């Protein structure tokens, strides 16, 4: 992610220098395309990381449920949690 942000920063600096020194019309087109592609890469990377994070949470939940299932199948049920309700 740091590499993508560095590339975007460098492109921003180049765009700023282009606006000051007017390197030419070709550089502006190329720079805008590079901005678009790097931004797309950042969005894809963020989406991928979100999916990996969600998958990790689900995997931990599955392992927790498997451990509880193992306890129930062995007949060792955990003690029920005490409730603070006075009347049920």
Protein backbone atom coordinates (compact mmCIF):
# COMPACT_ATOMS: atom_id res chain seq x y z
CA UNK A 1 0.00 0.00 0.00
CA UNK A 2 2.92 2.30 0.73
CA UNK A 3 4.25 1.76 -2.78
CA UNK A 4 0.91 2.73 -4.33
CA UNK A 5 0.72 5.88 -2.21
CA UNK A 6 4.30 6.77 -3.11
CA UNK A 7 3.52 6.43 -6.80
CA UNK A 8 0.45 8.64 -6.41
CA UNK A 9 2.54 11.24 -4.55
CA UNK A 10 5.19 11.26 -7.26
CA UNK A 11 2.53 11.60 -9.94
CA UNK A 12 1.03 14.49 -8.00
CA UNK A 13 4.40 16.23 -7.81
CA UNK A 14 4.91 15.71 -11.54
CA UNK A 15 1.45 17.10 -12.26
CA UNK A 16 2.26 20.16 -10.14
CA UNK A 17 5.55 20.70 -11.95
CA UNK A 18 3.76 20.25 -15.27
CA UNK A 19 1.26 22.97 -14.36
CA UNK A 20 4.08 25.34 -13.44
CA UNK A 21 6.52 24.66 -16.29
CA UNK A 22 4.00 23.43 -18.95
CA UNK A 23 5.93 20.43 -20.22
CA UNK A 24 3.33 19.68 -22.84
CA UNK A 25 -0.05 18.24 -23.61
CA UNK A 26 1.23 14.64 -23.95
CA UNK A 27 2.53 14.56 -20.39
CA UNK A 28 -0.86 15.64 -19.03
CA UNK A 29 -2.65 12.82 -20.83
CA UNK A 30 -0.12 10.23 -19.71
CA UNK A 31 -0.20 11.54 -16.14
CA UNK A 32 -4.00 11.42 -15.98
CA UNK A 33 -4.02 7.83 -17.26
CA UNK A 34 -1.38 6.85 -14.69
CA UNK A 35 -3.41 8.50 -11.92
CA UNK A 36 -6.45 6.53 -13.02
CA UNK A 37 -4.60 3.19 -13.17
CA UNK A 38 -2.86 3.63 -9.83
CA UNK A 39 -6.13 4.67 -8.18
CA UNK A 40 -7.78 1.58 -9.63
CA UNK A 41 -4.94 -0.52 -8.21
CA UNK A 42 -5.41 1.03 -4.77
CA UNK A 43 -9.15 0.35 -4.88
CA UNK A 44 -8.61 -3.28 -5.89
CA UNK A 45 -6.01 -3.71 -3.13
CA UNK A 46 -8.36 -2.27 -0.49
CA UNK A 47 -11.19 -4.54 -1.66
CA UNK A 48 -8.88 -7.56 -1.52
CA UNK A 49 -7.75 -6.71 2.02
CA UNK A 50 -11.37 -6.28 3.13
CA UNK A 51 -12.25 -9.74 1.81
CA UNK A 52 -9.21 -11.30 3.50
CA UNK A 53 -10.17 -9.64 6.79
CA UNK A 54 -13.76 -10.89 6.50
CA UNK A 55 -12.54 -14.40 5.67
CA UNK A 56 -10.23 -14.35 8.70
CA UNK A 57 -13.09 -13.38 11.01
CA UNK A 58 -15.26 -16.15 9.61
CA UNK A 59 -12.48 -18.72 9.99
CA UNK A 60 -11.99 -17.80 13.64
CA UNK A 61 -15.74 -18.05 14.25
CA UNK A 62 -15.85 -21.49 12.58
CA UNK A 63 -12.98 -22.76 14.76
CA UNK A 64 -14.74 -21.43 17.86
CA UNK A 65 -17.99 -23.18 16.88
CA UNK A 66 -16.11 -26.40 16.13
CA UNK A 67 -14.58 -26.32 19.62
CA UNK A 68 -18.01 -25.80 21.18
CA UNK A 69 -19.43 -28.61 19.04
CA UNK A 70 -16.64 -30.92 20.22
CA UNK A 71 -17.52 -30.13 23.84
CA UNK A 72 -21.20 -30.88 23.23
CA UNK A 73 -20.46 -34.14 21.42
CA UNK A 74 -18.21 -35.34 24.29
CA UNK A 75 -20.95 -34.60 26.78
CA UNK A 76 -18.99 -31.85 28.49
CA UNK A 77 -21.35 -28.99 28.20
CA UNK A 78 -20.04 -25.67 29.49
CA UNK A 79 -21.78 -24.18 32.49
CA UNK A 80 -24.50 -21.75 31.50
CA UNK A 81 -23.63 -18.11 31.96
CA UNK A 82 -25.36 -16.49 34.92
CA UNK A 83 -28.07 -14.04 34.05
CA UNK A 84 -28.87 -10.86 35.90
CA UNK A 85 -32.61 -11.13 35.24
CA UNK A 86 -34.75 -11.43 38.32
CA UNK A 87 -37.76 -12.96 36.56
CA UNK A 88 -37.71 -15.02 33.42
